[in-house]
Every structure is written in C-alpha cells, then in structure tokens.
Protein backbone atom coordinates (compact mmCIF):
# COMPACT_ATOMS: atom_id res chain seq x y z
CA MET A 1 -16.30 -108.08 24.59
CA ASN A 2 -20.37 -107.37 24.57
CA THR A 3 -20.27 -109.28 28.59
CA ALA A 4 -17.83 -106.51 29.10
CA LEU A 5 -19.69 -103.50 27.68
CA THR A 6 -23.27 -104.81 28.90
CA ILE A 7 -21.84 -104.92 32.61
CA ILE A 8 -20.26 -101.53 32.09
CA GLY A 9 -23.80 -100.22 30.82
CA LEU A 10 -25.67 -101.44 33.35
CA ALA A 11 -23.18 -100.51 36.10
CA MET A 12 -23.73 -97.11 34.63
CA PHE A 13 -27.56 -97.30 34.45
CA ILE A 14 -27.71 -98.33 38.04
CA PHE A 15 -25.65 -95.52 39.25
CA ILE A 16 -27.54 -92.80 37.50
CA VAL A 17 -30.60 -94.26 38.91
CA VAL A 18 -29.27 -94.32 42.41
CA PHE A 19 -27.88 -91.18 42.07
CA SER A 20 -30.86 -89.27 40.60
CA LEU A 21 -33.02 -90.92 43.78
CA LYS A 22 -30.59 -89.89 46.56
CA ARG A 23 -30.99 -86.01 44.77
CA ALA A 24 -34.31 -86.34 44.81
CA LYS A 25 -34.69 -87.49 48.51
CA GLU A 26 -31.89 -84.85 49.57
CA LYS A 27 -34.39 -82.21 47.58
CA LYS A 28 -37.22 -83.38 49.31
CA LYS A 29 -35.82 -83.04 52.99
CA ALA A 30 -34.82 -79.88 52.28
CA GLN A 31 -37.87 -78.23 50.64
CA GLN A 32 -39.66 -79.99 53.98
CA GLU A 33 -37.41 -78.09 56.22
CA GLU A 34 -38.10 -74.48 54.14
CA HIS A 35 -41.64 -75.35 54.63
CA GLU A 36 -41.23 -75.96 58.50
CA LYS A 37 -39.45 -73.23 58.87
CA ILE A 38 -42.11 -70.77 57.14
CA LYS A 39 -44.67 -72.47 59.06
CA ALA A 40 -43.23 -71.49 62.28
CA TYR A 41 -42.27 -68.13 61.08
CA GLY A 42 -46.16 -67.65 60.05
CA GLU A 43 -47.26 -69.35 63.48
CA SER A 44 -44.47 -66.53 65.44
CA ILE A 45 -46.47 -63.58 63.57
CA ASN A 46 -50.12 -64.77 64.06
CA GLU A 47 -49.03 -65.34 67.88
CA GLU A 48 -47.94 -61.78 67.90
CA THR A 49 -51.17 -60.75 66.07
CA ARG A 50 -52.87 -62.19 68.74
CA ASN A 51 -50.66 -60.47 71.47
CA LYS A 52 -51.11 -56.92 70.33
CA LYS A 53 -55.18 -57.36 69.89
CA SER A 54 -55.50 -58.32 73.91
CA PHE A 55 -53.87 -55.15 74.89
C-alpha cells in the first residue's frame, strides 16, 4: 500500500515538473517570436526614416 502511494506520488510529481518545463519552454519561445517581430518592426521604421531623409 505504501509502495503504491509512493509510486503514485512520484508519478504526479514528475508529471508536474515535466508539464511546468514544457510550459516554460513554450512561453520562452513565444516571447522570442514577439521580440523578433518587434525588432523587425523597429528596423522597418528606421529604414523608412532613412529613406525620407535622403530625399
């Protein structure tokens, strides 16, 4: 009985850890994609500004 409870407890703990790590990885990936979008937008604004000054 105690062995079964221990195994179930460990399984739940491992599931929580894996789920948390997976969620953190997905969140980091989403933040990286958002950062890339912001960077690209900033570069396009800079390019437009440079083009306007040259005329």
